[in-house]
N, C-alpha and C. Protein backbone atom coordinates (compact mmCIF):
# COMPACT_ATOMS: atom_id res chain seq x y z
N MET A 1 0.95 -0.96 -0.33
CA MET A 1 0.51 0.12 -0.09
C MET A 1 0.35 1.05 -0.42
N PRO A 2 0.37 2.77 -1.01
CA PRO A 2 1.52 3.82 -1.06
C PRO A 2 1.62 3.68 0.48
N THR A 3 2.61 4.68 0.98
CA THR A 3 2.58 6.03 1.78
C THR A 3 1.81 6.70 2.03
N ASP A 4 1.45 7.55 1.56
CA ASP A 4 0.49 8.38 1.06
C ASP A 4 -0.86 7.73 1.71
N LEU A 5 -1.44 5.79 1.83
CA LEU A 5 -2.33 5.77 2.22
C LEU A 5 -2.31 5.09 3.74
N ARG A 6 -1.33 4.87 3.97
CA ARG A 6 -1.08 5.15 5.42
C ARG A 6 -0.91 5.57 6.05
N ALA A 7 -0.06 6.77 5.94
CA ALA A 7 -0.31 8.21 6.67
C ALA A 7 -1.75 8.31 6.94
N ARG A 8 -3.11 8.32 5.81
CA ARG A 8 -4.37 9.25 6.07
C ARG A 8 -4.93 8.00 6.23
N TRP A 9 -5.40 7.73 7.13
CA TRP A 9 -6.32 6.90 7.37
C TRP A 9 -7.69 7.17 8.06
N ASN A 10 -8.55 6.72 7.89
CA ASN A 10 -9.77 6.29 8.19
C ASN A 10 -11.01 4.96 7.69
N HIS A 11 -11.83 5.07 7.76
CA HIS A 11 -12.52 3.83 7.75
C HIS A 11 -13.01 3.55 5.87
N ASN A 12 -12.87 4.78 5.51
CA ASN A 12 -12.98 4.64 3.46
C ASN A 12 -11.63 4.18 3.41
N THR A 13 -9.70 4.66 4.11
CA THR A 13 -8.54 5.44 2.82
C THR A 13 -8.40 2.66 3.62
N HIS A 14 -8.49 2.51 4.80
CA HIS A 14 -8.50 1.48 5.30
C HIS A 14 -9.25 -0.46 4.55
N TYR A 15 -9.69 0.75 3.75
CA TYR A 15 -10.18 -0.81 2.44
C TYR A 15 -9.83 -0.16 1.44
N HIS A 16 -8.70 0.50 1.05
CA HIS A 16 -8.46 0.55 -0.67
C HIS A 16 -7.85 -0.33 -0.71
N HIS A 17 -7.30 -1.31 0.27
CA HIS A 17 -6.63 -1.81 -0.63
C HIS A 17 -7.12 -3.34 -0.78
N LEU A 18 -8.52 -3.37 -0.87
CA LEU A 18 -9.58 -4.39 -1.56
C LEU A 18 -9.62 -3.84 -2.97
N ALA A 19 -9.07 -2.77 -3.54
CA ALA A 19 -9.40 -2.41 -4.69
C ALA A 19 -8.40 -2.50 -4.91
N LEU A 20 -7.00 -2.39 -4.77
CA LEU A 20 -5.83 -2.26 -5.16
C LEU A 20 -6.15 -3.90 -5.86
N GLU A 21 -5.92 -4.73 -4.34
CA GLU A 21 -5.68 -6.46 -4.69
C GLU A 21 -6.25 -6.71 -6.28
N ALA A 22 -7.77 -6.09 -6.02
CA ALA A 22 -7.72 -6.32 -7.63
C ALA A 22 -7.91 -6.21 -8.88
N VAL A 23 -6.95 -5.38 -9.03
CA VAL A 23 -6.14 -4.71 -10.36
C VAL A 23 -5.43 -5.94 -11.03
N ALA A 24 -5.69 -6.73 -12.03
CA ALA A 24 -4.70 -7.50 -12.85
C ALA A 24 -4.02 -7.03 -13.04
N PRO A 25 -2.43 -7.81 -13.23
CA PRO A 25 -0.96 -7.07 -13.43
C PRO A 25 -1.10 -6.21 -14.99
N ALA A 26 -2.39 -7.05 -15.62
CA ALA A 26 -2.43 -6.51 -17.28
C ALA A 26 -3.27 -5.38 -16.89
N ALA A 27 -4.21 -5.09 -16.64
CA ALA A 27 -5.36 -3.23 -16.99
C ALA A 27 -3.95 -2.41 -16.66
N ARG A 28 -4.74 -1.86 -18.00
CA ARG A 28 -4.35 -0.58 -18.89
C ARG A 28 -5.16 0.65 -18.61
N THR A 29 -6.37 0.44 -17.67
CA THR A 29 -7.04 1.24 -17.51
C THR A 29 -7.31 1.38 -16.43
N ALA A 30 -8.25 2.53 -15.58
CA ALA A 30 -8.90 1.81 -14.17
C ALA A 30 -9.67 3.71 -14.44
N LEU A 31 -11.07 3.27 -13.64
CA LEU A 31 -12.29 4.67 -13.30
C LEU A 31 -12.10 4.53 -11.87
N ASP A 32 -12.36 5.74 -11.00
CA ASP A 32 -12.48 6.18 -10.00
C ASP A 32 -14.09 6.82 -9.75
N VAL A 33 -14.77 6.04 -9.22
CA VAL A 33 -15.72 6.60 -9.47
C VAL A 33 -16.47 7.96 -7.80
N GLY A 34 -16.42 8.64 -7.23
CA GLY A 34 -16.61 9.31 -6.26
C GLY A 34 -14.69 9.76 -5.48
N THR A 35 -14.98 9.85 -6.19
CA THR A 35 -12.55 9.90 -5.80
C THR A 35 -12.77 10.88 -5.02
N GLY A 36 -13.44 12.11 -4.37
CA GLY A 36 -12.69 12.79 -4.12
C GLY A 36 -11.63 13.38 -3.42
N ASP A 37 -11.44 13.12 -2.40
CA ASP A 37 -9.48 13.74 -2.35
C ASP A 37 -8.45 12.47 -2.75
N GLY A 38 -8.93 12.13 -4.14
CA GLY A 38 -7.89 11.92 -4.69
C GLY A 38 -6.92 10.70 -4.13
N LEU A 39 -7.39 10.03 -3.33
CA LEU A 39 -5.84 8.50 -2.86
C LEU A 39 -6.35 7.61 -3.28
N LEU A 40 -7.91 6.80 -3.68
CA LEU A 40 -7.64 5.95 -4.10
C LEU A 40 -6.99 5.67 -5.98
N ALA A 41 -7.04 7.05 -6.26
CA ALA A 41 -6.90 7.22 -7.87
C ALA A 41 -5.20 7.39 -8.14
N THR A 42 -4.65 7.88 -7.11
CA THR A 42 -3.47 8.40 -7.04
C THR A 42 -2.89 6.26 -6.66
N ALA A 43 -3.23 6.06 -5.93
CA ALA A 43 -3.09 4.34 -5.62
C ALA A 43 -3.12 3.87 -6.97
N LEU A 44 -4.11 4.12 -7.43
CA LEU A 44 -4.06 3.09 -8.80
C LEU A 44 -3.06 3.79 -9.71
N ARG A 45 -2.84 4.86 -9.01
CA ARG A 45 -1.87 5.50 -10.68
C ARG A 45 -0.43 4.71 -10.55
N GLU A 46 -0.11 4.20 -9.22
CA GLU A 46 0.75 3.20 -9.41
C GLU A 46 0.78 2.17 -10.22
N LEU A 47 -0.01 1.27 -9.82
CA LEU A 47 -0.78 0.15 -10.38
C LEU A 47 -0.93 0.91 -12.10
N VAL A 48 -1.73 1.37 -12.71
CA VAL A 48 -2.25 1.43 -13.88
C VAL A 48 -2.13 2.84 -14.80
N PRO A 49 -1.30 2.44 -15.84
CA PRO A 49 -0.74 3.33 -16.79
C PRO A 49 -1.57 5.00 -17.25
N HIS A 50 -3.62 4.47 -16.95
CA HIS A 50 -4.16 5.18 -17.58
C HIS A 50 -5.37 4.73 -16.82
N VAL A 51 -5.65 6.26 -15.61
CA VAL A 51 -6.92 6.00 -14.64
C VAL A 51 -7.52 7.62 -14.86
N THR A 52 -8.95 7.49 -14.68
CA THR A 52 -9.55 8.18 -14.91
C THR A 52 -10.68 8.36 -13.50
N ALA A 53 -10.58 9.83 -12.87
CA ALA A 53 -11.31 9.79 -11.23
C ALA A 53 -12.40 11.27 -11.45
N ILE A 54 -13.53 10.59 -10.95
CA ILE A 54 -14.68 11.20 -10.92
C ILE A 54 -15.56 11.74 -9.97
N ASP A 55 -16.04 13.02 -9.90
CA ASP A 55 -16.33 13.32 -8.59
C ASP A 55 -18.09 14.88 -9.04
N LEU A 56 -18.57 15.05 -8.05
CA LEU A 56 -19.03 15.67 -8.55
C LEU A 56 -18.89 17.24 -8.15
N ASP A 57 -17.89 17.40 -6.95
CA ASP A 57 -18.24 18.45 -6.19
C ASP A 57 -16.58 19.07 -6.69
N PRO A 58 -16.90 20.25 -7.60
CA PRO A 58 -15.68 20.43 -7.97
C PRO A 58 -14.26 21.25 -6.77
N GLU A 59 -14.54 21.67 -6.46
CA GLU A 59 -13.44 22.26 -5.28
C GLU A 59 -13.07 20.76 -4.44
N VAL A 60 -13.69 19.93 -4.14
CA VAL A 60 -12.44 18.60 -3.40
C VAL A 60 -11.44 18.50 -4.88
N LEU A 61 -12.47 18.18 -5.57
CA LEU A 61 -11.66 17.54 -6.54
C LEU A 61 -10.59 18.10 -7.49
N ASP A 62 -10.37 19.34 -7.48
CA ASP A 62 -9.23 20.58 -7.55
C ASP A 62 -7.99 20.68 -6.39
N ARG A 63 -8.98 20.10 -5.08
CA ARG A 63 -7.75 19.46 -4.57
C ARG A 63 -7.02 18.71 -4.77
N ALA A 64 -8.13 17.89 -5.78
CA ALA A 64 -7.04 16.40 -5.22
C ALA A 64 -6.21 15.99 -7.05
N ARG A 65 -6.40 17.20 -7.75
CA ARG A 65 -5.93 17.64 -8.55
C ARG A 65 -4.55 18.42 -8.59
N ALA A 66 -4.39 18.72 -7.15
CA ALA A 66 -3.00 20.14 -7.43
C ALA A 66 -1.82 19.11 -6.61
N THR A 67 -2.43 17.50 -6.04
CA THR A 67 -1.81 17.06 -5.23
C THR A 67 -0.39 16.96 -6.83
N GLY A 68 -0.49 16.96 -8.19
CA GLY A 68 -0.16 16.93 -8.36
C GLY A 68 -0.12 15.21 -10.00
N ALA A 69 -0.84 14.59 -9.02
CA ALA A 69 -1.02 13.33 -9.47
C ALA A 69 -1.40 13.23 -10.82
N ASP A 70 -0.68 11.80 -11.78
CA ASP A 70 -0.79 11.99 -13.13
C ASP A 70 -2.14 10.77 -12.99
N VAL A 71 -3.45 11.83 -13.60
CA VAL A 71 -4.39 11.23 -13.35
C VAL A 71 -5.77 12.33 -14.07
N ASP A 72 -6.34 11.44 -14.62
CA ASP A 72 -7.17 12.89 -15.10
C ASP A 72 -8.40 12.75 -14.65
N TRP A 73 -8.71 14.17 -13.78
CA TRP A 73 -9.72 14.12 -12.79
C TRP A 73 -11.11 15.26 -13.94
N VAL A 74 -11.67 14.86 -13.32
CA VAL A 74 -13.23 14.34 -14.33
C VAL A 74 -14.77 15.10 -13.60
N VAL A 75 -15.25 16.57 -13.53
CA VAL A 75 -16.04 16.39 -12.69
C VAL A 75 -17.03 16.25 -13.42
N GLY A 76 -17.79 15.55 -13.18
CA GLY A 76 -19.12 15.03 -13.65
C GLY A 76 -19.71 14.38 -12.65
N ASP A 77 -21.10 13.60 -13.23
CA ASP A 77 -21.83 12.94 -12.64
C ASP A 77 -21.50 11.32 -13.26
N VAL A 78 -21.48 9.93 -12.77
CA VAL A 78 -20.88 9.36 -13.22
C VAL A 78 -22.42 8.78 -14.23
N MET A 79 -22.95 9.00 -13.90
CA MET A 79 -24.58 8.25 -13.66
C MET A 79 -24.69 8.71 -15.49
N SER A 80 -24.24 9.81 -16.00
CA SER A 80 -24.61 10.88 -16.97
C SER A 80 -23.72 10.92 -18.01
N SER A 81 -22.28 11.13 -17.59
CA SER A 81 -21.35 11.87 -18.10
C SER A 81 -21.14 11.22 -18.57
N PRO A 82 -20.00 11.11 -20.67
CA PRO A 82 -20.21 10.20 -21.42
C PRO A 82 -18.22 9.70 -21.38
N LEU A 83 -19.02 9.18 -19.85
CA LEU A 83 -17.13 8.21 -19.64
C LEU A 83 -17.57 7.07 -21.24
N PRO A 84 -16.64 6.01 -21.89
CA PRO A 84 -16.71 4.65 -22.88
C PRO A 84 -16.81 3.48 -21.65
N GLU A 85 -17.86 3.18 -22.45
CA GLU A 85 -18.41 2.44 -21.83
C GLU A 85 -17.85 0.72 -22.22
N GLY A 86 -17.75 -0.07 -21.50
CA GLY A 86 -16.85 -1.59 -21.44
C GLY A 86 -15.13 -1.14 -22.02
N HIS A 87 -14.88 0.63 -21.26
CA HIS A 87 -13.26 0.74 -21.36
C HIS A 87 -12.53 0.63 -20.37
N PHE A 88 -12.23 0.80 -19.10
CA PHE A 88 -11.60 0.39 -18.14
C PHE A 88 -11.91 -0.50 -17.23
N ASP A 89 -10.53 -1.55 -16.81
CA ASP A 89 -9.96 -2.26 -16.36
C ASP A 89 -10.14 -3.34 -15.62
N VAL A 90 -10.20 -1.47 -14.59
CA VAL A 90 -10.77 -1.94 -13.40
C VAL A 90 -11.67 -0.56 -12.96
N VAL A 91 -12.45 -1.07 -11.89
CA VAL A 91 -13.75 0.43 -11.55
C VAL A 91 -14.01 0.43 -10.02
N THR A 92 -13.62 1.52 -8.91
CA THR A 92 -13.50 1.48 -7.43
C THR A 92 -14.79 2.63 -7.51
N SER A 93 -15.47 2.41 -6.40
CA SER A 93 -16.30 3.31 -5.95
C SER A 93 -16.44 2.92 -4.52
N ILE A 94 -16.36 3.99 -3.56
CA ILE A 94 -15.32 4.05 -2.74
C ILE A 94 -16.41 4.79 -2.09
N ALA A 95 -17.63 4.74 -0.94
CA ALA A 95 -18.46 4.81 0.09
C ALA A 95 -18.91 6.03 -1.17
N THR A 96 -19.57 5.63 -2.22
CA THR A 96 -20.92 6.82 -3.32
C THR A 96 -21.64 5.97 -3.56
N VAL A 97 -21.99 4.77 -3.58
CA VAL A 97 -22.74 4.30 -4.49
C VAL A 97 -24.61 5.17 -3.38
N HIS A 98 -24.21 5.06 -2.10
CA HIS A 98 -25.63 5.78 -1.35
C HIS A 98 -25.76 6.97 -1.43
N HIS A 99 -25.25 7.42 -2.39
CA HIS A 99 -25.40 8.69 -2.98
C HIS A 99 -26.17 9.12 -3.60
N LEU A 100 -26.04 8.18 -4.37
CA LEU A 100 -26.97 7.65 -5.57
C LEU A 100 -28.25 7.51 -5.97
N PRO A 101 -29.17 7.79 -6.85
CA PRO A 101 -30.43 7.85 -6.23
C PRO A 101 -31.52 6.00 -6.13
N ASP A 102 -30.53 5.48 -7.17
CA ASP A 102 -31.51 4.14 -7.54
C ASP A 102 -29.86 3.48 -6.96
N LEU A 103 -30.09 3.20 -6.42
CA LEU A 103 -28.69 1.50 -6.25
C LEU A 103 -28.58 0.50 -7.35
N GLY A 104 -29.65 0.39 -7.50
CA GLY A 104 -29.40 -1.28 -9.18
C GLY A 104 -29.34 -0.62 -10.47
N ALA A 105 -29.65 0.84 -10.72
CA ALA A 105 -28.98 1.82 -12.29
C ALA A 105 -27.79 1.84 -11.16
N ALA A 106 -27.28 2.66 -10.07
CA ALA A 106 -26.30 2.22 -10.24
C ALA A 106 -24.80 1.73 -10.83
N LEU A 107 -24.92 0.50 -9.90
CA LEU A 107 -24.38 -0.51 -9.81
C LEU A 107 -24.28 -0.98 -11.31
N ALA A 108 -25.32 -1.22 -12.35
CA ALA A 108 -25.63 -1.59 -13.91
C ALA A 108 -24.27 -0.53 -14.10
N ARG A 109 -24.78 0.90 -14.28
CA ARG A 109 -23.62 2.16 -14.93
C ARG A 109 -22.73 1.71 -14.60
N LEU A 110 -21.92 1.03 -13.70
CA LEU A 110 -20.68 0.07 -13.09
C LEU A 110 -20.69 -0.46 -14.22
N ALA A 111 -20.68 -1.28 -14.35
CA ALA A 111 -20.79 -2.84 -14.88
C ALA A 111 -20.48 -2.71 -15.82
N SER A 112 -21.24 -1.54 -16.74
CA SER A 112 -21.39 -1.03 -17.71
C SER A 112 -19.84 -0.64 -18.31
N LEU A 113 -19.13 -0.14 -17.46
CA LEU A 113 -18.45 1.03 -17.74
C LEU A 113 -16.94 0.03 -17.70
N THR A 114 -17.49 -1.25 -17.51
CA THR A 114 -16.52 -2.01 -16.66
C THR A 114 -15.97 -2.74 -18.33
N ALA A 115 -14.20 -2.90 -18.12
CA ALA A 115 -14.46 -3.80 -19.80
C ALA A 115 -14.17 -4.68 -19.08
N PRO A 116 -14.42 -6.19 -20.67
CA PRO A 116 -15.13 -7.71 -20.20
C PRO A 116 -13.83 -7.78 -19.93
N GLY A 117 -13.35 -9.31 -18.97
CA GLY A 117 -12.35 -8.96 -18.13
C GLY A 117 -12.40 -8.79 -16.95
N GLY A 118 -12.82 -7.05 -16.66
CA GLY A 118 -12.65 -6.31 -15.67
C GLY A 118 -12.71 -6.88 -14.29
N ALA A 119 -12.50 -5.72 -14.02
CA ALA A 119 -13.12 -6.21 -12.39
C ALA A 119 -13.39 -4.31 -11.55
N LEU A 120 -14.66 -4.57 -10.56
CA LEU A 120 -15.52 -3.47 -10.61
C LEU A 120 -15.43 -3.89 -9.08
N VAL A 121 -15.01 -2.94 -7.90
CA VAL A 121 -14.82 -3.36 -7.17
C VAL A 121 -15.60 -1.84 -6.28
N VAL A 122 -17.18 -2.20 -4.95
CA VAL A 122 -17.26 -1.02 -4.87
C VAL A 122 -17.17 -1.55 -3.24
N ILE A 123 -17.19 -0.69 -2.52
CA ILE A 123 -16.81 -0.56 -0.61
C ILE A 123 -17.79 0.51 -0.72
N GLY A 124 -18.71 -0.09 0.05
CA GLY A 124 -20.28 0.89 0.04
C GLY A 124 -21.04 1.45 1.88
N CYS A 125 -21.95 2.18 2.55
CA CYS A 125 -21.71 1.57 3.22
C CYS A 125 -24.03 1.47 3.49
N ALA A 126 -23.50 1.17 4.39
CA ALA A 126 -25.41 1.15 4.39
C ALA A 126 -25.46 0.88 6.19
N ARG A 127 -27.53 0.56 6.34
CA ARG A 127 -27.59 0.80 7.57
C ARG A 127 -27.91 -0.86 7.69
N ASN A 128 -28.06 -0.61 9.40
CA ASN A 128 -28.03 -2.04 10.35
C ASN A 128 -29.92 -2.63 9.88
N GLY A 129 -30.10 -3.43 9.38
CA GLY A 129 -31.37 -4.49 9.52
C GLY A 129 -31.34 -6.10 10.55
N HIS A 130 -30.20 -6.14 10.97
CA HIS A 130 -30.19 -7.68 11.93
C HIS A 130 -29.35 -7.33 12.85
N PRO A 131 -30.13 -8.62 13.59
CA PRO A 131 -29.03 -8.80 14.71
C PRO A 131 -27.25 -8.96 15.12
N ARG A 132 -27.37 -9.41 13.34
CA ARG A 132 -25.63 -10.17 13.36
C ARG A 132 -24.71 -8.46 13.01
N ASP A 133 -25.85 -7.81 12.47
CA ASP A 133 -25.18 -6.22 11.47
C ASP A 133 -24.51 -5.59 12.43
N TYR A 134 -25.47 -5.70 14.54
CA TYR A 134 -24.86 -4.74 15.84
C TYR A 134 -23.25 -5.66 16.25
N LEU A 135 -23.20 -7.28 15.92
CA LEU A 135 -22.90 -7.51 16.20
C LEU A 135 -21.42 -7.35 15.02
N MET A 136 -20.93 -7.00 14.47
CA MET A 136 -20.25 -6.93 13.72
C MET A 136 -20.18 -5.32 13.68
N ASP A 137 -20.90 -4.03 14.19
CA ASP A 137 -20.87 -2.93 14.16
C ASP A 137 -20.06 -3.39 15.75
N LEU A 138 -20.24 -3.61 16.81
CA LEU A 138 -19.63 -3.98 18.11
C LEU A 138 -18.10 -4.00 17.46
N ALA A 139 -17.84 -5.08 16.97
CA ALA A 139 -16.38 -5.71 16.32
C ALA A 139 -15.65 -4.07 16.01
N GLY A 140 -16.49 -3.40 15.14
CA GLY A 140 -16.24 -2.20 14.41
C GLY A 140 -15.50 -0.32 15.00
N ILE A 141 -16.09 -0.86 16.45
CA ILE A 141 -15.97 0.27 17.15
C ILE A 141 -14.90 -0.46 17.93
N VAL A 142 -14.45 -1.29 18.14
CA VAL A 142 -13.47 -1.76 18.71
C VAL A 142 -12.29 -1.18 18.08
N GLN A 143 -12.58 -1.75 16.50
CA GLN A 143 -11.50 -1.60 15.05
C GLN A 143 -10.72 -0.54 15.45
N HIS A 144 -11.93 0.32 15.32
CA HIS A 144 -11.75 1.76 15.23
C HIS A 144 -11.25 2.53 16.37
N GLN A 145 -11.01 2.27 17.79
CA GLN A 145 -11.27 3.01 18.44
C GLN A 145 -9.41 2.40 17.91
N VAL A 146 -9.02 0.80 18.37
CA VAL A 146 -7.31 0.66 18.29
C VAL A 146 -6.58 1.42 17.19
N LEU A 147 -7.64 0.94 16.06
CA LEU A 147 -5.98 2.28 14.98
C LEU A 147 -6.35 3.46 14.60
N SER A 148 -7.54 4.00 15.01
CA SER A 148 -7.54 6.14 15.27
C SER A 148 -6.37 6.43 16.71
N ARG A 149 -6.39 5.53 17.22
CA ARG A 149 -5.35 5.68 18.44
C ARG A 149 -4.13 5.47 17.37
N THR A 150 -3.89 4.30 17.67
CA THR A 150 -2.40 4.29 16.76
C THR A 150 -2.10 4.30 15.67
N ARG A 151 -2.73 4.93 14.79
CA ARG A 151 -2.81 4.74 13.03
C ARG A 151 -2.87 7.33 13.16
N GLY A 152 -4.41 7.21 13.59
CA GLY A 152 -4.40 8.99 13.35
C GLY A 152 -6.08 8.93 13.14
N TYR A 153 -6.57 9.83 12.56
CA TYR A 153 -8.15 9.44 11.94
C TYR A 153 -8.15 10.64 11.30
N TRP A 154 -8.35 9.86 9.85
CA TRP A 154 -7.96 11.43 9.14
C TRP A 154 -9.11 11.79 8.49
N ASN A 155 -9.89 12.99 8.56
CA ASN A 155 -11.10 13.61 8.38
C ASN A 155 -10.33 14.08 6.54
N HIS A 156 -11.50 13.54 5.64
CA HIS A 156 -11.60 13.64 4.25
C HIS A 156 -12.05 15.53 4.18
N THR A 157 -12.64 15.43 3.24
CA THR A 157 -12.57 17.23 2.45
C THR A 157 -13.50 16.92 1.47
N ALA A 158 -14.15 15.62 1.52
CA ALA A 158 -15.48 15.52 0.85
C ALA A 158 -16.38 15.38 1.22
N PRO A 159 -17.72 15.70 0.45
CA PRO A 159 -19.23 16.12 1.83
C PRO A 159 -19.30 15.05 2.41
N VAL A 160 -19.82 14.12 3.50
CA VAL A 160 -20.58 13.21 4.07
C VAL A 160 -21.49 13.58 3.47
N GLN A 161 -22.54 11.78 3.37
CA GLN A 161 -23.76 11.08 3.10
C GLN A 161 -24.54 10.17 4.89
N MET A 162 -24.98 10.97 5.67
CA MET A 162 -24.83 9.55 6.70
C MET A 162 -26.33 8.90 6.27
N THR A 163 -27.50 9.65 5.67
CA THR A 163 -28.65 9.00 5.10
C THR A 163 -28.32 7.84 5.27
N PHE A 164 -28.80 5.96 4.59
CA PHE A 164 -28.14 5.28 3.77
C PHE A 164 -29.62 4.15 3.15
N PRO A 165 -30.25 4.20 2.33
CA PRO A 165 -30.87 4.08 1.31
C PRO A 165 -31.71 2.57 2.15
N HIS A 166 -30.31 1.94 2.04
CA HIS A 166 -30.78 -0.16 2.31
C HIS A 166 -29.32 -0.36 3.58
N THR A 167 -30.12 -1.72 4.18
CA THR A 167 -29.86 -1.95 5.57
C THR A 167 -28.81 -3.05 4.24
N TYR A 168 -27.88 -3.53 5.11
CA TYR A 168 -26.87 -4.78 4.36
C TYR A 168 -27.47 -5.60 3.28
N ALA A 169 -28.53 -5.70 4.75
CA ALA A 169 -29.05 -6.92 3.36
C ALA A 169 -30.44 -7.07 2.07
N GLN A 170 -30.50 -5.99 2.15
CA GLN A 170 -31.07 -5.34 0.80
C GLN A 170 -30.18 -4.98 -0.30
N VAL A 171 -28.37 -4.42 0.02
CA VAL A 171 -27.63 -3.34 -1.00
C VAL A 171 -26.99 -5.58 -1.47
N LYS A 172 -26.70 -6.59 -1.29
CA LYS A 172 -27.06 -7.43 -0.92
C LYS A 172 -27.66 -8.68 -2.23
N GLN A 173 -28.63 -7.79 -1.99
CA GLN A 173 -30.03 -8.61 -2.86
C GLN A 173 -29.93 -7.72 -4.22
N VAL A 174 -29.48 -6.66 -3.87
CA VAL A 174 -30.03 -6.00 -4.82
C VAL A 174 -28.99 -6.15 -6.47
N ALA A 175 -27.29 -6.04 -5.36
CA ALA A 175 -25.72 -6.37 -6.17
C ALA A 175 -26.01 -8.60 -6.34
N SER A 176 -26.69 -9.17 -6.00
CA SER A 176 -26.69 -10.34 -6.11
C SER A 176 -27.25 -9.84 -8.04
N ALA A 177 -28.50 -9.59 -7.92
CA ALA A 177 -29.54 -9.29 -9.33
C ALA A 177 -28.80 -8.70 -10.55
N VAL A 178 -27.83 -7.47 -9.95
CA VAL A 178 -27.22 -6.56 -10.85
C VAL A 178 -25.80 -7.60 -11.47
N LEU A 179 -25.25 -7.69 -10.94
CA LEU A 179 -24.09 -8.33 -10.83
C LEU A 179 -24.08 -10.05 -10.31
N PRO A 180 -24.66 -11.06 -11.49
CA PRO A 180 -24.25 -12.17 -10.77
C PRO A 180 -23.47 -12.86 -11.05
N GLY A 181 -23.02 -13.75 -9.85
CA GLY A 181 -21.72 -13.88 -9.30
C GLY A 181 -20.85 -12.58 -8.52
N MET A 182 -21.47 -11.82 -8.44
CA MET A 182 -21.32 -11.08 -7.45
C MET A 182 -20.26 -11.93 -5.80
N ARG A 183 -18.35 -11.66 -5.53
CA ARG A 183 -18.65 -12.36 -3.96
C ARG A 183 -19.28 -10.82 -2.68
N TRP A 184 -19.62 -11.13 -2.18
CA TRP A 184 -19.72 -9.74 -1.23
C TRP A 184 -19.31 -10.46 -0.06
N ARG A 185 -18.97 -9.07 0.74
CA ARG A 185 -18.05 -8.66 2.38
C ARG A 185 -18.72 -7.79 2.84
N ARG A 186 -19.61 -8.42 4.29
CA ARG A 186 -19.23 -7.78 5.62
C ARG A 186 -18.10 -7.32 6.35
N LEU A 187 -17.84 -6.12 6.26
CA LEU A 187 -16.76 -5.28 6.53
C LEU A 187 -17.46 -4.66 8.10
N PRO A 188 -15.73 -4.68 8.98
CA PRO A 188 -16.19 -4.98 10.49
C PRO A 188 -16.64 -2.66 10.99
N LEU A 189 -15.81 -1.91 9.65
CA LEU A 189 -15.39 -1.02 9.93
C LEU A 189 -16.86 0.15 8.98
N PHE A 190 -18.19 -0.80 9.38
CA PHE A 190 -19.76 0.16 9.13
C PHE A 190 -19.28 -0.24 8.06
N ARG A 191 -19.17 -1.39 6.51
CA ARG A 191 -18.31 -0.91 5.65
C ARG A 191 -18.44 -2.18 4.71
N TYR A 192 -19.01 -2.38 3.39
CA TYR A 192 -19.57 -3.54 3.09
C TYR A 192 -18.40 -4.22 1.83
N ALA A 193 -18.58 -4.71 1.53
CA ALA A 193 -17.69 -4.95 -0.26
C ALA A 193 -18.36 -5.52 -1.03
N VAL A 194 -18.32 -5.55 -2.33
CA VAL A 194 -18.93 -5.73 -3.78
C VAL A 194 -17.98 -6.45 -4.83
N VAL A 195 -17.53 -7.27 -5.27
CA VAL A 195 -15.60 -7.11 -5.92
C VAL A 195 -17.42 -7.83 -6.90
N TRP A 196 -17.08 -8.05 -8.15
CA TRP A 196 -17.35 -8.67 -9.24
C TRP A 196 -16.54 -8.33 -9.76
N ARG A 197 -16.24 -9.39 -10.98
CA ARG A 197 -15.58 -9.60 -12.53
C ARG A 197 -16.33 -9.93 -13.62
N LYS A 198 -16.62 -9.07 -14.65
CA LYS A 198 -17.07 -9.05 -16.18
C LYS A 198 -16.43 -10.20 -17.35
N THR A 199 -17.84 -11.16 -17.04
CA THR A 199 -17.18 -12.25 -18.66
C THR A 199 -16.68 -11.47 -19.38
N GLY A 200 -15.74 -12.03 -20.71
CA GLY A 200 -15.56 -11.61 -21.64
C GLY A 200 -14.39 -11.65 -21.73
């Protein structure tokens, strides 16, 4: 993991490694959706020659651009921006899809942008709907206390939305329908992971 990610720790950067591990050695193009401060896009650029990073917020994207990373920074809505379909060998989205109005449509759009043989990695937020979710949250609270004290907690500059329209179970159901064969994980730090590889 790049040094910058180790230095800036929070619940999102903690899981960047899941996206980086999904990058195939032959990957040439990557898309980071809802890139915010651009840390994941910058890390992807160390593995992939051509990285595009898109975000709706022009101010936060200006801060990402100011890092000087060799990334194509795009201000726009992933649902309507003229991005090339079936083009990106890896598509990543961290804590973003709950901002979009229709989860199924959002996942379908990200899948359409993924190249055949490529990977889609979504790290997302949802709300509890089952007792086991609360047990996982307890583990997350302990993990947060330990890691925030040992590594410090970095507050990103991107807008935060703490209203989650779906439970974890509902997200899993929608993702299973839209992304056949996807791999699902409930993560301790109040997140879930969906990893899907596009056939072809």
